């Protein structure tokens, strides 16, 4: 049996960067912030930033904290490579069933119900 002529590329950024993260610190890819860092690594690499060379150096600047080591490394990355910053959304997605509050009819002052403390059955005025 022969080996395939090509190796498939991992489907997600998290899968692509997992070996590098494991070599730096095994906790990185198990942290909830891992996907955000992996996406940032993709953005940085797309602009020519040498992630494989610089990420270990960023991790070694000072020890990664016990809580959220991935987030700490992400901050170090975006501090050095601004291309890794998550871009703002370009379009607002519509959510099924959501209403556009700008289009909702508004009540004028005289349309609001009037509650008076002296109305029978309402109890004493405060």
PDB file of N, CA and C in Angstrom:
ATOM      1  N   UNK A   1       0.840  -1.175   0.000  1.00  0.00           N
ATOM      2  CA  UNK A   1       0.000   0.000   0.000  1.00  0.00           C
ATOM      3  C   UNK A   1       0.884   1.236   0.000  1.00  0.00           C
ATOM      4  N   UNK A   2       0.556   2.193  -0.856  1.00  0.00           N
ATOM      5  CA  UNK A   2       1.389   3.380  -0.967  1.00  0.00           C
ATOM      6  C   UNK A   2       0.770   4.541  -0.198  1.00  0.00           C
ATOM      7  N   UNK A   3       1.611   5.445   0.205  1.00  0.00           N
ATOM      8  CA  UNK A   3       1.159   6.652   0.916  1.00  0.00           C
ATOM      9  C   UNK A   3       0.509   7.608  -0.071  1.00  0.00           C
ATOM     10  N   UNK A   4      -0.461   8.396   0.360  1.00  0.00           N
ATOM     11  CA  UNK A   4      -1.057   9.377  -0.543  1.00  0.00           C
ATOM     12  C   UNK A   4      -0.024  10.423  -0.942  1.00  0.00           C
ATOM     13  N   UNK A   5      -0.189  10.982  -2.129  1.00  0.00           N
ATOM     14  CA  UNK A   5       0.758  11.965  -2.659  1.00  0.00           C
ATOM     15  C   UNK A   5       0.635  13.314  -1.949  1.00  0.00           C
ATOM     16  N   UNK A   6      -0.428  13.533  -1.205  1.00  0.00           N
ATOM     17  CA  UNK A   6      -0.625  14.805  -0.517  1.00  0.00           C
ATOM     18  C   UNK A   6      -1.133  14.554   0.892  1.00  0.00           C
ATOM     19  N   UNK A   7      -0.919  15.510   1.738  1.00  0.00           N
ATOM     20  CA  UNK A   7      -1.426  15.435   3.112  1.00  0.00           C
ATOM     21  C   UNK A   7      -2.543  16.452   3.234  1.00  0.00           C
ATOM     22  N   UNK A   8      -3.712  16.045   3.676  1.00  0.00           N
ATOM     23  CA  UNK A   8      -4.801  17.005   3.779  1.00  0.00           C
ATOM     24  C   UNK A   8      -4.499  18.092   4.816  1.00  0.00           C
ATOM     25  N   UNK A   9      -4.905  19.296   4.521  1.00  0.00           N
ATOM     26  CA  UNK A   9      -4.735  20.417   5.433  1.00  0.00           C
ATOM     27  C   UNK A   9      -5.851  20.374   6.468  1.00  0.00           C
ATOM     28  N   UNK A  10      -5.515  20.554   7.741  1.00  0.00           N
ATOM     29  CA  UNK A  10      -6.570  20.576   8.749  1.00  0.00           C
ATOM     30  C   UNK A  10      -7.636  21.624   8.413  1.00  0.00           C
ATOM     31  N   UNK A  11      -8.856  21.301   8.709  1.00  0.00           N
ATOM     32  CA  UNK A  11      -9.992  22.123   8.286  1.00  0.00           C
ATOM     33  C   UNK A  11     -10.100  23.454   9.021  1.00  0.00           C
ATOM     34  N   UNK A  12      -9.729  23.494  10.274  1.00  0.00           N
ATOM     35  CA  UNK A  12      -9.922  24.725  11.046  1.00  0.00           C
ATOM     36  C   UNK A  12      -8.589  25.289  11.519  1.00  0.00           C
ATOM     37  N   UNK A  13      -8.614  26.558  11.855  1.00  0.00           N
ATOM     38  CA  UNK A  13      -7.410  27.206  12.382  1.00  0.00           C
ATOM     39  C   UNK A  13      -6.973  26.519  13.671  1.00  0.00           C
ATOM     40  N   UNK A  14      -7.935  26.135  14.497  1.00  0.00           N
ATOM     41  CA  UNK A  14      -7.604  25.463  15.762  1.00  0.00           C
ATOM     42  C   UNK A  14      -6.842  24.167  15.514  1.00  0.00           C
ATOM     43  N   UNK A  15      -7.228  23.428  14.471  1.00  0.00           N
ATOM     44  CA  UNK A  15      -6.526  22.183  14.136  1.00  0.00           C
ATOM     45  C   UNK A  15      -5.145  22.459  13.545  1.00  0.00           C
ATOM     46  N   UNK A  16      -5.052  23.484  12.709  1.00  0.00           N
ATOM     47  CA  UNK A  16      -3.765  23.793  12.063  1.00  0.00           C
ATOM     48  C   UNK A  16      -2.698  24.200  13.073  1.00  0.00           C
ATOM     49  N   UNK A  17      -3.062  24.977  14.068  1.00  0.00           N
ATOM     50  CA  UNK A  17      -2.072  25.513  15.001  1.00  0.00           C
ATOM     51  C   UNK A  17      -1.888  24.670  16.259  1.00  0.00           C
ATOM     52  N   UNK A  18      -2.650  23.616  16.402  1.00  0.00           N
ATOM     53  CA  UNK A  18      -2.570  22.789  17.609  1.00  0.00           C
ATOM     54  C   UNK A  18      -1.179  22.190  17.845  1.00  0.00           C
ATOM     55  N   UNK A  19      -0.485  21.666  16.819  1.00  0.00           N
ATOM     56  CA  UNK A  19       0.858  21.129  17.084  1.00  0.00           C
ATOM     57  C   UNK A  19       1.836  22.184  17.608  1.00  0.00           C
ATOM     58  N   UNK A  20       1.796  23.382  17.054  1.00  0.00           N
ATOM     59  CA  UNK A  20       2.683  24.450  17.535  1.00  0.00           C
ATOM     60  C   UNK A  20       2.321  24.818  18.969  1.00  0.00           C
ATOM     61  N   UNK A  21       1.033  24.928  19.250  1.00  0.00           N
ATOM     62  CA  UNK A  21       0.594  25.267  20.608  1.00  0.00           C
ATOM     63  C   UNK A  21       1.023  24.197  21.607  1.00  0.00           C
ATOM     64  N   UNK A  22       0.908  22.933  21.221  1.00  0.00           N
ATOM     65  CA  UNK A  22       1.293  21.838  22.115  1.00  0.00           C
ATOM     66  C   UNK A  22       2.786  21.866  22.414  1.00  0.00           C
ATOM     67  N   UNK A  23       3.579  22.275  21.420  1.00  0.00           N
ATOM     68  CA  UNK A  23       5.024  22.362  21.632  1.00  0.00           C
ATOM     69  C   UNK A  23       5.392  23.505  22.583  1.00  0.00           C
ATOM     70  N   UNK A  24       4.582  24.548  22.590  1.00  0.00           N
ATOM     71  CA  UNK A  24       4.850  25.693  23.459  1.00  0.00           C
ATOM     72  C   UNK A  24       4.339  25.436  24.875  1.00  0.00           C
ATOM     73  N   UNK A  25       3.070  25.034  24.972  1.00  0.00           N
ATOM     74  CA  UNK A  25       2.444  24.781  26.276  1.00  0.00           C
ATOM     75  C   UNK A  25       1.191  23.943  26.020  1.00  0.00           C
ATOM     76  N   UNK A  26       1.123  22.738  26.556  1.00  0.00           N
ATOM     77  CA  UNK A  26      -0.034  21.864  26.302  1.00  0.00           C
ATOM     78  C   UNK A  26      -1.373  22.446  26.753  1.00  0.00           C
ATOM     79  N   UNK A  27      -1.359  23.408  27.661  1.00  0.00           N
ATOM     80  CA  UNK A  27      -2.609  24.007  28.145  1.00  0.00           C
ATOM     81  C   UNK A  27      -3.270  24.913  27.099  1.00  0.00           C
ATOM     82  N   UNK A  28      -2.502  25.405  26.148  1.00  0.00           N
ATOM     83  CA  UNK A  28      -3.028  26.403  25.220  1.00  0.00           C
ATOM     84  C   UNK A  28      -4.260  25.930  24.456  1.00  0.00           C
ATOM     85  N   UNK A  29      -4.195  24.746  23.885  1.00  0.00           N
ATOM     86  CA  UNK A  29      -5.308  24.285  23.043  1.00  0.00           C
ATOM     87  C   UNK A  29      -6.484  23.723  23.841  1.00  0.00           C
ATOM     88  N   UNK A  30      -6.367  23.665  25.154  1.00  0.00           N
ATOM     89  CA  UNK A  30      -7.482  23.199  25.971  1.00  0.00           C
ATOM     90  C   UNK A  30      -8.237  24.358  26.627  1.00  0.00           C
ATOM     91  N   UNK A  31      -7.728  25.546  26.482  1.00  0.00           N
ATOM     92  CA  UNK A  31      -8.332  26.741  27.063  1.00  0.00           C
ATOM     93  C   UNK A  31      -9.531  27.185  26.218  1.00  0.00           C
ATOM     94  N   UNK A  32     -10.585  27.731  26.826  1.00  0.00           N
ATOM     95  CA  UNK A  32     -11.747  28.191  26.059  1.00  0.00           C
ATOM     96  C   UNK A  32     -11.408  29.254  25.010  1.00  0.00           C
ATOM     97  N   UNK A  33     -10.326  29.976  25.190  1.00  0.00           N
ATOM     98  CA  UNK A  33      -9.955  31.047  24.260  1.00  0.00           C
ATOM     99  C   UNK A  33      -9.100  30.540  23.094  1.00  0.00           C
ATOM    100  N   UNK A  34      -8.909  29.242  22.975  1.00  0.00           N
ATOM    101  CA  UNK A  34      -8.026  28.685  21.960  1.00  0.00           C
ATOM    102  C   UNK A  34      -8.468  29.035  20.537  1.00  0.00           C
ATOM    103  N   UNK A  35      -9.739  28.923  20.232  1.00  0.00           N
ATOM    104  CA  UNK A  35     -10.192  29.204  18.863  1.00  0.00           C
ATOM    105  C   UNK A  35      -9.923  30.652  18.467  1.00  0.00           C
ATOM    106  N   UNK A  36     -10.102  31.572  19.401  1.00  0.00           N
ATOM    107  CA  UNK A  36      -9.838  32.983  19.105  1.00  0.00           C
ATOM    108  C   UNK A  36      -8.363  33.200  18.808  1.00  0.00           C
ATOM    109  N   UNK A  37      -7.479  32.576  19.586  1.00  0.00           N
ATOM    110  CA  UNK A  37      -6.047  32.708  19.330  1.00  0.00           C
ATOM    111  C   UNK A  37      -5.680  32.066  17.997  1.00  0.00           C
ATOM    112  N   UNK A  38      -6.222  30.904  17.704  1.00  0.00           N
ATOM    113  CA  UNK A  38      -5.909  30.225  16.447  1.00  0.00           C
ATOM    114  C   UNK A  38      -6.343  31.068  15.246  1.00  0.00           C
ATOM    115  N   UNK A  39      -7.491  31.702  15.329  1.00  0.00           N
ATOM    116  CA  UNK A  39      -7.939  32.586  14.242  1.00  0.00           C
ATOM    117  C   UNK A  39      -7.013  33.788  14.110  1.00  0.00           C
ATOM    118  N   UNK A  40      -6.555  34.313  15.240  1.00  0.00           N
ATOM    119  CA  UNK A  40      -5.611  35.430  15.216  1.00  0.00           C
ATOM    120  C   UNK A  40      -4.285  35.001  14.584  1.00  0.00           C
ATOM    121  N   UNK A  41      -3.859  33.777  14.852  1.00  0.00           N
ATOM    122  CA  UNK A  41      -2.625  33.267  14.238  1.00  0.00           C
ATOM    123  C   UNK A  41      -2.778  33.178  12.721  1.00  0.00           C
ATOM    124  N   UNK A  42      -3.940  32.747  12.268  1.00  0.00           N
ATOM    125  CA  UNK A  42      -4.205  32.713  10.819  1.00  0.00           C
ATOM    126  C   UNK A  42      -4.115  34.105  10.212  1.00  0.00           C
ATOM    127  N   UNK A  43      -4.753  35.097  10.852  1.00  0.00           N
ATOM    128  CA  UNK A  43      -4.724  36.465  10.324  1.00  0.00           C
ATOM    129  C   UNK A  43      -3.309  37.002  10.284  1.00  0.00           C
ATOM    130  N   UNK A  44      -2.528  36.712  11.332  1.00  0.00           N
ATOM    131  CA  UNK A  44      -1.143  37.180  11.381  1.00  0.00           C
ATOM    132  C   UNK A  44      -0.313  36.539  10.264  1.00  0.00           C
ATOM    133  N   UNK A  45      -0.476  35.249  10.076  1.00  0.00           N
ATOM    134  CA  UNK A  45       0.301  34.551   9.058  1.00  0.00           C
ATOM    135  C   UNK A  45      -0.057  35.053   7.653  1.00  0.00           C
ATOM    136  N   UNK A  46      -1.323  35.382   7.422  1.00  0.00           N
ATOM    137  CA  UNK A  46      -1.749  35.854   6.106  1.00  0.00           C
ATOM    138  C   UNK A  46      -1.100  37.180   5.726  1.00  0.00           C
ATOM    139  N   UNK A  47      -0.623  37.930   6.705  1.00  0.00           N
ATOM    140  CA  UNK A  47       0.056  39.198   6.407  1.00  0.00           C
ATOM    141  C   UNK A  47       1.573  39.052   6.364  1.00  0.00           C
ATOM    142  N   UNK A  48       2.070  37.824   6.468  1.00  0.00           N
ATOM    143  CA  UNK A  48       3.504  37.598   6.379  1.00  0.00           C
ATOM    144  C   UNK A  48       4.211  37.459   7.714  1.00  0.00           C
ATOM    145  N   UNK A  49       3.507  37.522   8.801  1.00  0.00           N
ATOM    146  CA  UNK A  49       4.095  37.358  10.133  1.00  0.00           C
ATOM    147  C   UNK A  49       4.505  35.897  10.300  1.00  0.00           C
ATOM    148  N   UNK A  50       5.744  35.653  10.710  1.00  0.00           N
ATOM    149  CA  UNK A  50       6.244  34.285  10.874  1.00  0.00           C
ATOM    150  C   UNK A  50       5.806  33.747  12.245  1.00  0.00           C
ATOM    151  N   UNK A  51       4.632  33.165  12.279  1.00  0.00           N
ATOM    152  CA  UNK A  51       4.035  32.681  13.526  1.00  0.00           C
ATOM    153  C   UNK A  51       4.905  31.613  14.174  1.00  0.00           C
ATOM    154  N   UNK A  52       5.409  30.669  13.379  1.00  0.00           N
ATOM    155  CA  UNK A  52       6.196  29.559  13.930  1.00  0.00           C
ATOM    156  C   UNK A  52       7.467  30.061  14.619  1.00  0.00           C
ATOM    157  N   UNK A  53       8.026  31.164  14.146  1.00  0.00           N
ATOM    158  CA  UNK A  53       9.239  31.707  14.761  1.00  0.00           C
ATOM    159  C   UNK A  53       8.928  32.606  15.954  1.00  0.00           C
ATOM    160  N   UNK A  54       7.877  33.397  15.840  1.00  0.00           N
ATOM    161  CA  UNK A  54       7.618  34.417  16.858  1.00  0.00           C
ATOM    162  C   UNK A  54       6.759  33.953  18.029  1.00  0.00           C
ATOM    163  N   UNK A  55       5.848  33.014  17.823  1.00  0.00           N
ATOM    164  CA  UNK A  55       4.965  32.608  18.913  1.00  0.00           C
ATOM    165  C   UNK A  55       5.728  31.993  20.092  1.00  0.00           C
ATOM    166  N   UNK A  56       6.700  31.101  19.861  1.00  0.00           N
ATOM    167  CA  UNK A  56       7.467  30.583  21.005  1.00  0.00           C
ATOM    168  C   UNK A  56       8.212  31.696  21.756  1.00  0.00           C
ATOM    169  N   UNK A  57       8.706  32.673  21.017  1.00  0.00           N
ATOM    170  CA  UNK A  57       9.401  33.795  21.653  1.00  0.00           C
ATOM    171  C   UNK A  57       8.435  34.619  22.508  1.00  0.00           C
ATOM    172  N   UNK A  58       7.231  34.854  21.980  1.00  0.00           N
ATOM    173  CA  UNK A  58       6.232  35.605  22.747  1.00  0.00           C
ATOM    174  C   UNK A  58       5.844  34.859  24.021  1.00  0.00           C
ATOM    175  N   UNK A  59       5.726  33.547  23.919  1.00  0.00           N
ATOM    176  CA  UNK A  59       5.358  32.736  25.090  1.00  0.00           C
ATOM    177  C   UNK A  59       6.472  32.730  26.127  1.00  0.00           C
ATOM    178  N   UNK A  60       7.705  32.864  25.684  1.00  0.00           N
ATOM    179  CA  UNK A  60       8.844  32.795  26.596  1.00  0.00           C
ATOM    180  C   UNK A  60       9.204  34.149  27.206  1.00  0.00           C
ATOM    181  N   UNK A  61       8.573  35.233  26.772  1.00  0.00           N
ATOM    182  CA  UNK A  61       8.888  36.557  27.320  1.00  0.00           C
ATOM    183  C   UNK A  61       8.781  36.566  28.836  1.00  0.00           C
ATOM    184  N   UNK A  62       7.731  35.971  29.336  1.00  0.00           N
ATOM    185  CA  UNK A  62       7.546  35.752  30.766  1.00  0.00           C
ATOM    186  C   UNK A  62       6.613  34.566  30.893  1.00  0.00           C
ATOM    187  N   UNK A  63       6.624  33.889  32.027  1.00  0.00           N
ATOM    188  CA  UNK A  63       5.786  32.693  32.146  1.00  0.00           C
ATOM    189  C   UNK A  63       4.305  33.010  31.877  1.00  0.00           C
ATOM    190  N   UNK A  64       3.654  32.097  31.178  1.00  0.00           N
ATOM    191  CA  UNK A  64       2.226  32.252  30.940  1.00  0.00           C
ATOM    192  C   UNK A  64       1.489  31.999  32.254  1.00  0.00           C
ATOM    193  N   UNK A  65       0.439  32.762  32.542  1.00  0.00           N
ATOM    194  CA  UNK A  65      -0.265  32.592  33.813  1.00  0.00           C
ATOM    195  C   UNK A  65      -1.004  31.255  33.886  1.00  0.00           C
ATOM    196  N   UNK A  66      -1.301  30.830  35.088  1.00  0.00           N
ATOM    197  CA  UNK A  66      -2.035  29.583  35.284  1.00  0.00           C
ATOM    198  C   UNK A  66      -3.477  29.706  34.804  1.00  0.00           C
ATOM    199  N   UNK A  67      -4.065  30.873  34.974  1.00  0.00           N
ATOM    200  CA  UNK A  67      -5.433  31.077  34.507  1.00  0.00           C
ATOM    201  C   UNK A  67      -5.390  31.785  33.160  1.00  0.00           C
ATOM    202  N   UNK A  68      -6.034  31.184  32.196  1.00  0.00           N
ATOM    203  CA  UNK A  68      -6.139  31.708  30.822  1.00  0.00           C
ATOM    204  C   UNK A  68      -4.782  31.990  30.157  1.00  0.00           C
ATOM    205  N   UNK A  69      -3.931  30.995  30.059  1.00  0.00           N
ATOM    206  CA  UNK A  69      -2.656  31.208  29.378  1.00  0.00           C
ATOM    207  C   UNK A  69      -2.837  31.559  27.896  1.00  0.00           C
ATOM    208  N   UNK A  70      -3.892  31.014  27.287  1.00  0.00           N
ATOM    209  CA  UNK A  70      -4.145  31.285  25.874  1.00  0.00           C
ATOM    210  C   UNK A  70      -4.483  32.754  25.665  1.00  0.00           C
ATOM    211  N   UNK A  71      -5.302  33.304  26.535  1.00  0.00           N
ATOM    212  CA  UNK A  71      -5.681  34.716  26.421  1.00  0.00           C
ATOM    213  C   UNK A  71      -4.446  35.605  26.596  1.00  0.00           C
ATOM    214  N   UNK A  72      -3.572  35.266  27.529  1.00  0.00           N
ATOM    215  CA  UNK A  72      -2.362  36.056  27.743  1.00  0.00           C
ATOM    216  C   UNK A  72      -1.475  36.044  26.490  1.00  0.00           C
ATOM    217  N   UNK A  73      -1.327  34.878  25.876  1.00  0.00           N
ATOM    218  CA  UNK A  73      -0.515  34.791  24.665  1.00  0.00           C
ATOM    219  C   UNK A  73      -1.175  35.543  23.512  1.00  0.00           C
ATOM    220  N   UNK A  74      -2.496  35.499  23.445  1.00  0.00           N
ATOM    221  CA  UNK A  74      -3.239  36.241  22.425  1.00  0.00           C
ATOM    222  C   UNK A  74      -2.960  37.741  22.571  1.00  0.00           C
ATOM    223  N   UNK A  75      -2.999  38.257  23.790  1.00  0.00           N
ATOM    224  CA  UNK A  75      -2.712  39.675  24.022  1.00  0.00           C
ATOM    225  C   UNK A  75      -1.292  40.028  23.580  1.00  0.00           C
ATOM    226  N   UNK A  76      -0.351  39.167  23.871  1.00  0.00           N
ATOM    227  CA  UNK A  76       1.035  39.423  23.452  1.00  0.00           C
ATOM    228  C   UNK A  76       1.141  39.449  21.934  1.00  0.00           C
ATOM    229  N   UNK A  77       0.421  38.548  21.282  1.00  0.00           N
ATOM    230  CA  UNK A  77       0.446  38.485  19.816  1.00  0.00           C
ATOM    231  C   UNK A  77      -0.118  39.764  19.203  1.00  0.00           C
ATOM    232  N   UNK A  78      -1.291  40.191  19.620  1.00  0.00           N
ATOM    233  CA  UNK A  78      -1.899  41.381  19.006  1.00  0.00           C
ATOM    234  C   UNK A  78      -1.140  42.646  19.365  1.00  0.00           C
ATOM    235  N   UNK A  79      -0.427  42.631  20.481  1.00  0.00           N
ATOM    236  CA  UNK A  79       0.406  43.775  20.835  1.00  0.00           C
ATOM    237  C   UNK A  79       1.566  43.919  19.857  1.00  0.00           C
ATOM    238  N   UNK A  80       2.080  42.807  19.376  1.00  0.00           N
ATOM    239  CA  UNK A  80       3.205  42.825  18.438  1.00  0.00           C
ATOM    240  C   UNK A  80       2.760  42.847  16.976  1.00  0.00           C
ATOM    241  N   UNK A  81       1.679  42.171  16.661  1.00  0.00           N
ATOM    242  CA  UNK A  81       1.201  42.064  15.276  1.00  0.00           C
ATOM    243  C   UNK A  81      -0.248  42.543  15.212  1.00  0.00           C
ATOM    244  N   UNK A  82      -0.439  43.771  14.809  1.00  0.00           N
ATOM    245  CA  UNK A  82      -1.782  44.361  14.791  1.00  0.00           C
ATOM    246  C   UNK A  82      -2.711  43.684  13.787  1.00  0.00           C
ATOM    247  N   UNK A  83      -2.155  43.002  12.812  1.00  0.00           N
ATOM    248  CA  UNK A  83      -2.991  42.283  11.838  1.00  0.00           C
ATOM    249  C   UNK A  83      -3.741  41.125  12.488  1.00  0.00           C
ATOM    250  N   UNK A  84      -3.307  40.697  13.665  1.00  0.00           N
ATOM    251  CA  UNK A  84      -3.955  39.583  14.356  1.00  0.00           C
ATOM    252  C   UNK A  84      -5.218  40.021  15.092  1.00  0.00           C
ATOM    253  N   UNK A  85      -5.448  41.308  15.204  1.00  0.00           N
ATOM    254  CA  UNK A  85      -6.634  41.805  15.903  1.00  0.00           C
ATOM    255  C   UNK A  85      -7.879  41.399  15.133  1.00  0.00           C
ATOM    256  N   UNK A  86      -8.892  40.972  15.860  1.00  0.00           N
ATOM    257  CA  UNK A  86     -10.160  40.587  15.242  1.00  0.00           C
ATOM    258  C   UNK A  86     -10.791  41.822  14.618  1.00  0.00           C
ATOM    259  N   UNK A  87     -11.082  41.765  13.316  1.00  0.00           N
ATOM    260  CA  UNK A  87     -11.694  42.937  12.676  1.00  0.00           C
ATOM    261  C   UNK A  87     -13.139  43.111  13.133  1.00  0.00           C
ATOM    262  N   UNK A  88     -13.624  44.336  13.122  1.00  0.00           N
ATOM    263  CA  UNK A  88     -15.026  44.543  13.502  1.00  0.00           C
ATOM    264  C   UNK A  88     -15.944  43.940  12.445  1.00  0.00           C
ATOM    265  N   UNK A  89     -17.148  43.582  12.815  1.00  0.00           N
ATOM    266  CA  UNK A  89     -18.069  43.014  11.820  1.00  0.00           C
ATOM    267  C   UNK A  89     -18.387  44.053  10.745  1.00  0.00           C
ATOM    268  N   UNK A  90     -18.479  43.584   9.514  1.00  0.00           N
ATOM    269  CA  UNK A  90     -18.770  44.502   8.423  1.00  0.00           C
ATOM    270  C   UNK A  90     -20.259  44.612   8.165  1.00  0.00           C
ATOM    271  N   UNK A  91     -21.007  43.650   8.612  1.00  0.00           N
ATOM    272  CA  UNK A  91     -22.438  43.645   8.371  1.00  0.00           C
ATOM    273  C   UNK A  91     -23.129  43.039   9.586  1.00  0.00           C
ATOM    274  N   UNK A  92     -24.222  43.606   9.962  1.00  0.00           N
ATOM    275  CA  UNK A  92     -24.992  43.058  11.071  1.00  0.00           C
ATOM    276  C   UNK A  92     -25.887  41.959  10.528  1.00  0.00           C
ATOM    277  N   UNK A  93     -25.799  40.802  11.148  1.00  0.00           N
ATOM    278  CA  UNK A  93     -26.633  39.686  10.713  1.00  0.00           C
ATOM    279  C   UNK A  93     -28.008  39.777  11.346  1.00  0.00           C
ATOM    280  N   UNK A  94     -29.007  39.470  10.565  1.00  0.00           N
ATOM    281  CA  UNK A  94     -30.368  39.437  11.090  1.00  0.00           C
ATOM    282  C   UNK A  94     -30.573  38.143  11.867  1.00  0.00           C
ATOM    283  N   UNK A  95     -31.239  38.237  12.973  1.00  0.00           N
ATOM    284  CA  UNK A  95     -31.548  37.077  13.791  1.00  0.00           C
ATOM    285  C   UNK A  95     -33.012  36.733  13.561  1.00  0.00           C
ATOM    286  N   UNK A  96     -33.266  35.469  13.324  1.00  0.00           N
ATOM    287  CA  UNK A  96     -34.638  35.039  13.058  1.00  0.00           C
ATOM    288  C   UNK A  96     -35.538  35.423  14.217  1.00  0.00           C
ATOM    289  N   UNK A  97     -36.645  36.066  13.908  1.00  0.00           N
ATOM    290  CA  UNK A  97     -37.611  36.449  14.919  1.00  0.00           C
ATOM    291  C   UNK A  97     -37.329  37.768  15.603  1.00  0.00           C
ATOM    292  N   UNK A  98     -36.198  38.394  15.293  1.00  0.00           N
ATOM    293  CA  UNK A  98     -35.869  39.665  15.937  1.00  0.00           C
ATOM    294  C   UNK A  98     -36.639  40.795  15.258  1.00  0.00           C
ATOM    295  N   UNK A  99     -36.977  41.795  16.033  1.00  0.00           N
ATOM    296  CA  UNK A  99     -37.676  42.948  15.491  1.00  0.00           C
ATOM    297  C   UNK A  99     -36.708  44.106  15.344  1.00  0.00           C
ATOM    298  N   UNK A 100     -36.952  44.906  14.345  1.00  0.00           N
ATOM    299  CA  UNK A 100     -36.176  46.126  14.190  1.00  0.00           C
ATOM    300  C   UNK A 100     -36.830  47.170  15.084  1.00  0.00           C
ATOM    301  N   UNK A 101     -36.176  47.519  16.174  1.00  0.00           N
ATOM    302  CA  UNK A 101     -36.778  48.426  17.138  1.00  0.00           C
ATOM    303  C   UNK A 101     -36.941  49.838  16.586  1.00  0.00           C
ATOM    304  N   UNK A 102     -36.128  50.167  15.585  1.00  0.00           N
ATOM    305  CA  UNK A 102     -36.279  51.491  14.991  1.00  0.00           C
ATOM    306  C   UNK A 102     -37.594  51.604  14.232  1.00  0.00           C
ATOM    307  N   UNK A 103     -38.096  50.502  13.720  1.00  0.00           N
ATOM    308  CA  UNK A 103     -39.324  50.522  12.942  1.00  0.00           C
ATOM    309  C   UNK A 103     -40.568  50.338  13.814  1.00  0.00           C
ATOM    310  N   UNK A 104     -40.383  50.016  15.080  1.00  0.00           N
ATOM    311  CA  UNK A 104     -41.533  49.785  15.956  1.00  0.00           C
ATOM    312  C   UNK A 104     -42.252  51.109  16.229  1.00  0.00           C
ATOM    313  N   UNK A 105     -43.582  51.088  16.259  1.00  0.00           N
ATOM    314  CA  UNK A 105     -44.304  52.323  16.558  1.00  0.00           C
ATOM    315  C   UNK A 105     -44.035  52.751  17.999  1.00  0.00           C
ATOM    316  N   UNK A 106     -43.919  54.031  18.180  1.00  0.00           N
ATOM    317  CA  UNK A 106     -43.651  54.566  19.514  1.00  0.00           C
ATOM    318  C   UNK A 106     -44.906  55.251  20.047  1.00  0.00           C
ATOM    319  N   UNK A 107     -45.070  55.168  21.348  1.00  0.00           N
ATOM    320  CA  UNK A 107     -46.216  55.808  21.987  1.00  0.00           C
ATOM    321  C   UNK A 107     -45.889  57.276  22.243  1.00  0.00           C
ATOM    322  N   UNK A 108     -46.850  58.118  22.009  1.00  0.00           N
ATOM    323  CA  UNK A 108     -46.677  59.507  22.408  1.00  0.00           C
ATOM    324  C   UNK A 108     -47.051  59.606  23.882  1.00  0.00           C
ATOM    325  N   UNK A 109     -46.733  60.704  24.501  1.00  0.00           N
ATOM    326  CA  UNK A 109     -46.973  60.859  25.933  1.00  0.00           C
ATOM    327  C   UNK A 109     -48.436  60.635  26.303  1.00  0.00           C
ATOM    328  N   UNK A 110     -49.356  61.042  25.437  1.00  0.00           N
ATOM    329  CA  UNK A 110     -50.768  60.908  25.786  1.00  0.00           C
ATOM    330  C   UNK A 110     -51.309  59.498  25.563  1.00  0.00           C
ATOM    331  N   UNK A 111     -50.503  58.595  25.026  1.00  0.00           N
ATOM    332  CA  UNK A 111     -50.953  57.216  24.807  1.00  0.00           C
ATOM    333  C   UNK A 111     -50.608  56.287  25.958  1.00  0.00           C
ATOM    334  N   UNK A 112     -49.755  56.700  26.867  1.00  0.00           N
ATOM    335  CA  UNK A 112     -49.383  55.855  27.986  1.00  0.00           C
ATOM    336  C   UNK A 112     -50.536  55.783  28.972  1.00  0.00           C
ATOM    337  N   UNK A 113     -50.761  54.612  29.566  1.00  0.00           N
ATOM    338  CA  UNK A 113     -51.843  54.512  30.548  1.00  0.00           C
ATOM    339  C   UNK A 113     -51.537  55.365  31.776  1.00  0.00           C
ATOM    340  N   UNK A 114     -52.547  55.903  32.352  1.00  0.00           N
ATOM    341  CA  UNK A 114     -52.391  56.758  33.523  1.00  0.00           C
ATOM    342  C   UNK A 114     -52.771  55.953  34.755  1.00  0.00           C
ATOM    343  N   UNK A 115     -51.858  55.909  35.693  1.00  0.00           N
ATOM    344  CA  UNK A 115     -52.124  55.240  36.961  1.00  0.00           C
ATOM    345  C   UNK A 115     -52.111  56.304  38.037  1.00  0.00           C
ATOM    346  N   UNK A 116     -53.207  56.414  38.719  1.00  0.00           N
ATOM    347  CA  UNK A 116     -53.317  57.429  39.760  1.00  0.00           C
ATOM    348  C   UNK A 116     -53.472  56.733  41.096  1.00  0.00           C
ATOM    349  N   UNK A 117     -52.805  57.250  42.085  1.00  0.00           N
ATOM    350  CA  UNK A 117     -52.865  56.656  43.423  1.00  0.00           C
ATOM    351  C   UNK A 117     -54.245  56.764  44.042  1.00  0.00           C
ATOM    352  N   UNK A 118     -55.013  57.770  43.603  1.00  0.00           N
ATOM    353  CA  UNK A 118     -56.338  57.949  44.202  1.00  0.00           C
ATOM    354  C   UNK A 118     -57.435  57.193  43.468  1.00  0.00           C
ATOM    355  N   UNK A 119     -57.042  56.339  42.521  1.00  0.00           N
ATOM    356  CA  UNK A 119     -58.020  55.538  41.795  1.00  0.00           C
ATOM    357  C   UNK A 119     -58.519  54.448  42.731  1.00  0.00           C
ATOM    358  N   UNK A 120     -59.846  54.238  42.819  1.00  0.00           N
ATOM    359  CA  UNK A 120     -60.365  53.196  43.714  1.00  0.00           C
ATOM    360  C   UNK A 120     -59.738  51.832  43.383  1.00  0.00           C
ATOM    361  N   UNK A 121     -59.362  51.130  44.412  1.00  0.00           N
ATOM    362  CA  UNK A 121     -58.780  49.807  44.237  1.00  0.00           C
ATOM    363  C   UNK A 121     -57.265  49.816  44.048  1.00  0.00           C
ATOM    364  N   UNK A 122     -56.684  50.985  43.975  1.00  0.00           N
ATOM    365  CA  UNK A 122     -55.233  51.076  43.767  1.00  0.00           C
ATOM    366  C   UNK A 122     -54.465  51.197  45.081  1.00  0.00           C
ATOM    367  N   UNK A 123     -55.119  51.394  46.167  1.00  0.00           N
ATOM    368  CA  UNK A 123     -54.439  51.501  47.439  1.00  0.00           C
ATOM    369  C   UNK A 123     -54.025  52.929  47.726  1.00  0.00           C
ATOM    370  N   UNK A 124     -53.421  53.141  48.892  1.00  0.00           N
ATOM    371  CA  UNK A 124     -53.053  54.502  49.272  1.00  0.00           C
ATOM    372  C   UNK A 124     -51.897  55.036  48.445  1.00  0.00           C
ATOM    373  N   UNK A 125     -51.834  56.348  48.333  1.00  0.00           N
ATOM    374  CA  UNK A 125     -50.729  56.990  47.603  1.00  0.00           C
ATOM    375  C   UNK A 125     -49.449  56.849  48.419  1.00  0.00           C
ATOM    376  N   UNK A 126     -48.365  56.699  47.754  1.00  0.00           N
ATOM    377  CA  UNK A 126     -47.067  56.557  48.440  1.00  0.00           C
ATOM    378  C   UNK A 126     -46.486  57.907  48.762  1.00  0.00           C
TER     379      UNK A 126
END
